[in-house]
PDB file of N, CA and C in Angstrom:
ATOM      1  N   MET A   1      20.324 -21.370  -3.644  1.00  0.00           N
ATOM      2  CA  MET A   1      20.099 -19.932  -3.744  1.00  0.00           C
ATOM      3  C   MET A   1      19.852 -19.335  -2.358  1.00  0.00           C
ATOM      4  N   PRO A   2      20.470 -18.190  -2.078  1.00  0.00           N
ATOM      5  CA  PRO A   2      20.198 -17.543  -0.799  1.00  0.00           C
ATOM      6  C   PRO A   2      18.820 -16.883  -0.805  1.00  0.00           C
ATOM      7  N   LYS A   3      18.334 -16.629   0.391  1.00  0.00           N
ATOM      8  CA  LYS A   3      17.044 -15.958   0.514  1.00  0.00           C
ATOM      9  C   LYS A   3      17.181 -14.501   0.080  1.00  0.00           C
ATOM     10  N   ILE A   4      16.094 -13.941  -0.404  1.00  0.00           N
ATOM     11  CA  ILE A   4      16.079 -12.544  -0.837  1.00  0.00           C
ATOM     12  C   ILE A   4      15.602 -11.688   0.327  1.00  0.00           C
ATOM     13  N   LYS A   5      16.294 -10.579   0.549  1.00  0.00           N
ATOM     14  CA  LYS A   5      15.878  -9.681   1.621  1.00  0.00           C
ATOM     15  C   LYS A   5      14.647  -8.894   1.202  1.00  0.00           C
ATOM     16  N   THR A   6      13.723  -8.756   2.135  1.00  0.00           N
ATOM     17  CA  THR A   6      12.520  -7.965   1.919  1.00  0.00           C
ATOM     18  C   THR A   6      12.816  -6.510   2.239  1.00  0.00           C
ATOM     19  N   ASN A   7      12.344  -5.602   1.401  1.00  0.00           N
ATOM     20  CA  ASN A   7      12.443  -4.176   1.679  1.00  0.00           C
ATOM     21  C   ASN A   7      11.432  -3.858   2.776  1.00  0.00           C
ATOM     22  N   ARG A   8      11.904  -3.529   3.955  1.00  0.00           N
ATOM     23  CA  ARG A   8      11.019  -3.385   5.120  1.00  0.00           C
ATOM     24  C   ARG A   8      10.052  -2.210   4.972  1.00  0.00           C
ATOM     25  N   GLY A   9      10.484  -1.146   4.301  1.00  0.00           N
ATOM     26  CA  GLY A   9       9.588  -0.014   4.077  1.00  0.00           C
ATOM     27  C   GLY A   9       8.410  -0.410   3.208  1.00  0.00           C
ATOM     28  N   ALA A  10       8.683  -1.202   2.173  1.00  0.00           N
ATOM     29  CA  ALA A  10       7.617  -1.666   1.278  1.00  0.00           C
ATOM     30  C   ALA A  10       6.713  -2.664   1.985  1.00  0.00           C
ATOM     31  N   ALA A  11       7.278  -3.496   2.839  1.00  0.00           N
ATOM     32  CA  ALA A  11       6.488  -4.503   3.555  1.00  0.00           C
ATOM     33  C   ALA A  11       5.464  -3.842   4.478  1.00  0.00           C
ATOM     34  N   LYS A  12       5.806  -2.670   5.004  1.00  0.00           N
ATOM     35  CA  LYS A  12       4.885  -1.961   5.884  1.00  0.00           C
ATOM     36  C   LYS A  12       3.803  -1.225   5.092  1.00  0.00           C
ATOM     37  N   ARG A  13       4.067  -0.939   3.825  1.00  0.00           N
ATOM     38  CA  ARG A  13       3.127  -0.165   3.011  1.00  0.00           C
ATOM     39  C   ARG A  13       2.152  -1.020   2.218  1.00  0.00           C
ATOM     40  N   PHE A  14       2.582  -2.194   1.781  1.00  0.00           N
ATOM     41  CA  PHE A  14       1.751  -3.031   0.910  1.00  0.00           C
ATOM     42  C   PHE A  14       1.414  -4.356   1.572  1.00  0.00           C
ATOM     43  N   LYS A  15       0.184  -4.832   1.320  1.00  0.00           N
ATOM     44  CA  LYS A  15      -0.231  -6.155   1.788  1.00  0.00           C
ATOM     45  C   LYS A  15      -0.873  -6.871   0.616  1.00  0.00           C
ATOM     46  N   ALA A  16      -0.707  -8.183   0.565  1.00  0.00           N
ATOM     47  CA  ALA A  16      -1.310  -8.965  -0.514  1.00  0.00           C
ATOM     48  C   ALA A  16      -2.741  -9.339  -0.142  1.00  0.00           C
ATOM     49  N   THR A  17      -3.645  -9.279  -1.118  1.00  0.00           N
ATOM     50  CA  THR A  17      -5.024  -9.702  -0.898  1.00  0.00           C
ATOM     51  C   THR A  17      -5.105 -11.208  -1.118  1.00  0.00           C
ATOM     52  N   GLY A  18      -6.271 -11.770  -0.898  1.00  0.00           N
ATOM     53  CA  GLY A  18      -6.454 -13.204  -1.075  1.00  0.00           C
ATOM     54  C   GLY A  18      -6.200 -13.659  -2.496  1.00  0.00           C
ATOM     55  N   SER A  19      -6.544 -12.812  -3.457  1.00  0.00           N
ATOM     56  CA  SER A  19      -6.366 -13.166  -4.866  1.00  0.00           C
ATOM     57  C   SER A  19      -4.948 -12.889  -5.354  1.00  0.00           C
ATOM     58  N   GLY A  20      -4.106 -12.280  -4.489  1.00  0.00           N
ATOM     59  CA  GLY A  20      -2.721 -12.018  -4.864  1.00  0.00           C
ATOM     60  C   GLY A  20      -2.448 -10.590  -5.302  1.00  0.00           C
ATOM     61  N   ALA A  21      -3.481  -9.764  -5.399  1.00  0.00           N
ATOM     62  CA  ALA A  21      -3.278  -8.359  -5.748  1.00  0.00           C
ATOM     63  C   ALA A  21      -2.678  -7.636  -4.543  1.00  0.00           C
ATOM     64  N   LEU A  22      -2.061  -6.495  -4.781  1.00  0.00           N
ATOM     65  CA  LEU A  22      -1.456  -5.737  -3.688  1.00  0.00           C
ATOM     66  C   LEU A  22      -2.349  -4.552  -3.338  1.00  0.00           C
ATOM     67  N   LYS A  23      -2.602  -4.378  -2.042  1.00  0.00           N
ATOM     68  CA  LYS A  23      -3.379  -3.222  -1.601  1.00  0.00           C
ATOM     69  C   LYS A  23      -2.468  -2.259  -0.868  1.00  0.00           C
ATOM     70  N   ARG A  24      -2.870  -0.997  -0.893  1.00  0.00           N
ATOM     71  CA  ARG A  24      -2.084   0.067  -0.267  1.00  0.00           C
ATOM     72  C   ARG A  24      -3.010   1.024   0.434  1.00  0.00           C
ATOM     73  N   GLY A  25      -2.482   1.759   1.392  1.00  0.00           N
ATOM     74  CA  GLY A  25      -3.270   2.764   2.078  1.00  0.00           C
ATOM     75  C   GLY A  25      -3.289   4.048   1.281  1.00  0.00           C
ATOM     76  N   GLN A  26      -4.293   4.880   1.545  1.00  0.00           N
ATOM     77  CA  GLN A  26      -4.397   6.155   0.849  1.00  0.00           C
ATOM     78  C   GLN A  26      -3.500   7.188   1.525  1.00  0.00           C
ATOM     79  N   SER A  27      -3.042   8.147   0.758  1.00  0.00           N
ATOM     80  CA  SER A  27      -2.230   9.232   1.305  1.00  0.00           C
ATOM     81  C   SER A  27      -3.137  10.382   1.749  1.00  0.00           C
ATOM     82  N   HIS A  28      -2.552  11.441   2.261  1.00  0.00           N
ATOM     83  CA  HIS A  28      -3.245  12.672   2.685  1.00  0.00           C
ATOM     84  C   HIS A  28      -4.120  12.470   3.922  1.00  0.00           C
ATOM     85  N   ARG A  29      -3.730  11.592   4.819  1.00  0.00           N
ATOM     86  CA  ARG A  29      -4.556  11.334   5.997  1.00  0.00           C
ATOM     87  C   ARG A  29      -3.755  11.529   7.294  1.00  0.00           C
ATOM     88  N   ARG A  30      -2.583  12.130   7.207  1.00  0.00           N
ATOM     89  CA  ARG A  30      -1.703  12.232   8.376  1.00  0.00           C
ATOM     90  C   ARG A  30      -1.901  13.519   9.180  1.00  0.00           C
ATOM     91  N   HIS A  31      -1.999  14.646   8.503  1.00  0.00           N
ATOM     92  CA  HIS A  31      -2.106  15.922   9.221  1.00  0.00           C
ATOM     93  C   HIS A  31      -2.868  16.908   8.350  1.00  0.00           C
ATOM     94  N   ILE A  32      -3.109  18.104   8.897  1.00  0.00           N
ATOM     95  CA  ILE A  32      -3.931  19.131   8.248  1.00  0.00           C
ATOM     96  C   ILE A  32      -5.310  18.539   7.906  1.00  0.00           C
ATOM     97  N   LEU A  33      -5.941  17.924   8.901  1.00  0.00           N
ATOM     98  CA  LEU A  33      -7.213  17.245   8.669  1.00  0.00           C
ATOM     99  C   LEU A  33      -8.415  18.161   8.894  1.00  0.00           C
ATOM    100  N   THR A  34      -8.197  19.314   9.495  1.00  0.00           N
ATOM    101  CA  THR A  34      -9.332  20.173   9.842  1.00  0.00           C
ATOM    102  C   THR A  34     -10.007  20.743   8.604  1.00  0.00           C
ATOM    103  N   LYS A  35      -9.234  21.036   7.566  1.00  0.00           N
ATOM    104  CA  LYS A  35      -9.835  21.617   6.362  1.00  0.00           C
ATOM    105  C   LYS A  35     -10.440  20.569   5.436  1.00  0.00           C
ATOM    106  N   LYS A  36     -10.173  19.295   5.701  1.00  0.00           N
ATOM    107  CA  LYS A  36     -10.719  18.228   4.859  1.00  0.00           C
ATOM    108  C   LYS A  36     -12.086  17.803   5.389  1.00  0.00           C
ATOM    109  N   SER A  37     -13.005  17.572   4.479  1.00  0.00           N
ATOM    110  CA  SER A  37     -14.364  17.227   4.885  1.00  0.00           C
ATOM    111  C   SER A  37     -14.398  15.827   5.491  1.00  0.00           C
ATOM    112  N   THR A  38     -15.430  15.562   6.272  1.00  0.00           N
ATOM    113  CA  THR A  38     -15.599  14.250   6.901  1.00  0.00           C
ATOM    114  C   THR A  38     -15.724  13.168   5.850  1.00  0.00           C
ATOM    115  N   LYS A  39     -16.440  13.470   4.778  1.00  0.00           N
ATOM    116  CA  LYS A  39     -16.610  12.502   3.687  1.00  0.00           C
ATOM    117  C   LYS A  39     -15.263  12.144   3.059  1.00  0.00           C
ATOM    118  N   ARG A  40     -14.442  13.166   2.835  1.00  0.00           N
ATOM    119  CA  ARG A  40     -13.130  12.936   2.219  1.00  0.00           C
ATOM    120  C   ARG A  40     -12.241  12.091   3.124  1.00  0.00           C
ATOM    121  N   LYS A  41     -12.241  12.386   4.418  1.00  0.00           N
ATOM    122  CA  LYS A  41     -11.424  11.625   5.367  1.00  0.00           C
ATOM    123  C   LYS A  41     -11.913  10.187   5.475  1.00  0.00           C
ATOM    124  N   ARG A  42     -13.220   9.982   5.442  1.00  0.00           N
ATOM    125  CA  ARG A  42     -13.793   8.643   5.508  1.00  0.00           C
ATOM    126  C   ARG A  42     -13.411   7.831   4.273  1.00  0.00           C
ATOM    127  N   GLN A  43     -13.432   8.459   3.101  1.00  0.00           N
ATOM    128  CA  GLN A  43     -13.081   7.755   1.870  1.00  0.00           C
ATOM    129  C   GLN A  43     -11.591   7.436   1.793  1.00  0.00           C
ATOM    130  N   LEU A  44     -10.770   8.243   2.466  1.00  0.00           N
ATOM    131  CA  LEU A  44      -9.333   7.980   2.484  1.00  0.00           C
ATOM    132  C   LEU A  44      -8.973   6.806   3.385  1.00  0.00           C
ATOM    133  N   ARG A  45      -9.905   6.387   4.247  1.00  0.00           N
ATOM    134  CA  ARG A  45      -9.670   5.249   5.127  1.00  0.00           C
ATOM    135  C   ARG A  45      -9.577   3.935   4.369  1.00  0.00           C
ATOM    136  N   THR A  46     -10.367   3.806   3.301  1.00  0.00           N
ATOM    137  CA  THR A  46     -10.448   2.526   2.596  1.00  0.00           C
ATOM    138  C   THR A  46      -9.183   2.275   1.786  1.00  0.00           C
ATOM    139  N   PRO A  47      -8.631   1.069   1.860  1.00  0.00           N
ATOM    140  CA  PRO A  47      -7.441   0.769   1.066  1.00  0.00           C
ATOM    141  C   PRO A  47      -7.796   0.639  -0.412  1.00  0.00           C
ATOM    142  N   SER A  48      -6.838   0.918  -1.269  1.00  0.00           N
ATOM    143  CA  SER A  48      -7.070   0.752  -2.700  1.00  0.00           C
ATOM    144  C   SER A  48      -5.990  -0.155  -3.269  1.00  0.00           C
ATOM    145  N   GLN A  49      -6.203  -0.627  -4.493  1.00  0.00           N
ATOM    146  CA  GLN A  49      -5.248  -1.536  -5.106  1.00  0.00           C
ATOM    147  C   GLN A  49      -4.092  -0.760  -5.707  1.00  0.00           C
ATOM    148  N   LEU A  50      -2.946  -1.382  -5.716  1.00  0.00           N
ATOM    149  CA  LEU A  50      -1.759  -0.794  -6.318  1.00  0.00           C
ATOM    150  C   LEU A  50      -1.943  -0.752  -7.826  1.00  0.00           C
ATOM    151  N   HIS A  51      -1.471   0.304  -8.456  1.00  0.00           N
ATOM    152  CA  HIS A  51      -1.625   0.439  -9.900  1.00  0.00           C
ATOM    153  C   HIS A  51      -0.832  -0.637 -10.623  1.00  0.00           C
ATOM    154  N   ARG A  52      -1.387  -1.043 -11.765  1.00  0.00           N
ATOM    155  CA  ARG A  52      -0.803  -2.140 -12.549  1.00  0.00           C
ATOM    156  C   ARG A  52       0.675  -1.912 -12.881  1.00  0.00           C
ATOM    157  N   SER A  53       1.046  -0.663 -13.181  1.00  0.00           N
ATOM    158  CA  SER A  53       2.420  -0.360 -13.576  1.00  0.00           C
ATOM    159  C   SER A  53       3.398  -0.413 -12.402  1.00  0.00           C
ATOM    160  N   ASP A  54       2.885  -0.368 -11.164  1.00  0.00           N
ATOM    161  CA  ASP A  54       3.758  -0.384  -9.987  1.00  0.00           C
ATOM    162  C   ASP A  54       3.893  -1.770  -9.358  1.00  0.00           C
ATOM    163  N   VAL A  55       3.091  -2.720  -9.804  1.00  0.00           N
ATOM    164  CA  VAL A  55       3.045  -4.035  -9.156  1.00  0.00           C
ATOM    165  C   VAL A  55       4.382  -4.776  -9.279  1.00  0.00           C
ATOM    166  N   ALA A  56       5.006  -4.735 -10.442  1.00  0.00           N
ATOM    167  CA  ALA A  56       6.259  -5.472 -10.656  1.00  0.00           C
ATOM    168  C   ALA A  56       7.356  -4.988  -9.707  1.00  0.00           C
ATOM    169  N   ALA A  57       7.468  -3.682  -9.535  1.00  0.00           N
ATOM    170  CA  ALA A  57       8.483  -3.120  -8.632  1.00  0.00           C
ATOM    171  C   ALA A  57       8.199  -3.505  -7.190  1.00  0.00           C
ATOM    172  N   ALA A  58       6.927  -3.477  -6.800  1.00  0.00           N
ATOM    173  CA  ALA A  58       6.559  -3.833  -5.431  1.00  0.00           C
ATOM    174  C   ALA A  58       6.799  -5.315  -5.161  1.00  0.00           C
ATOM    175  N   ARG A  59       6.508  -6.159  -6.120  1.00  0.00           N
ATOM    176  CA  ARG A  59       6.749  -7.604  -5.969  1.00  0.00           C
ATOM    177  C   ARG A  59       8.231  -7.902  -5.776  1.00  0.00           C
ATOM    178  N   ARG A  60       9.079  -7.149  -6.466  1.00  0.00           N
ATOM    179  CA  ARG A  60      10.527  -7.322  -6.314  1.00  0.00           C
ATOM    180  C   ARG A  60      10.965  -6.952  -4.903  1.00  0.00           C
ATOM    181  N   MET A  61      10.308  -5.955  -4.315  1.00  0.00           N
ATOM    182  CA  MET A  61      10.678  -5.505  -2.966  1.00  0.00           C
ATOM    183  C   MET A  61      10.125  -6.408  -1.875  1.00  0.00           C
ATOM    184  N   ILE A  62       8.970  -7.041  -2.127  1.00  0.00           N
ATOM    185  CA  ILE A  62       8.388  -7.952  -1.123  1.00  0.00           C
ATOM    186  C   ILE A  62       8.151  -9.321  -1.768  1.00  0.00           C
ATOM    187  N   PRO A  63       9.225 -10.101  -1.927  1.00  0.00           N
ATOM    188  CA  PRO A  63       9.119 -11.369  -2.665  1.00  0.00           C
ATOM    189  C   PRO A  63       8.285 -12.441  -1.970  1.00  0.00           C
ATOM    190  N   TYR A  64       8.102 -12.359  -0.648  1.00  0.00           N
ATOM    191  CA  TYR A  64       7.399 -13.433   0.057  1.00  0.00           C
ATOM    192  C   TYR A  64       6.002 -13.039   0.499  1.00  0.00           C
ATOM    193  N   ALA A  65       5.473 -11.959  -0.044  1.00  0.00           N
ATOM    194  CA  ALA A  65       4.115 -11.514   0.333  1.00  0.00           C
ATOM    195  C   ALA A  65       3.076 -12.125  -0.581  1.00  0.00           C
TER     196      ALA A  65
END
């Protein structure tokens, strides 16, 4: 069997945790930050887990993660 190509865009967005779950970065942190509170920006820093319904699609895109 040939190797499967990794979707490079997905590889940059998702990382696997030690237990095998996928983590992702939060959105809304790129620009227009002046109107967002410090608390909101700080909470957007922390990564969150990928939703259960999206995991299968992400695994297909990053088979070796």
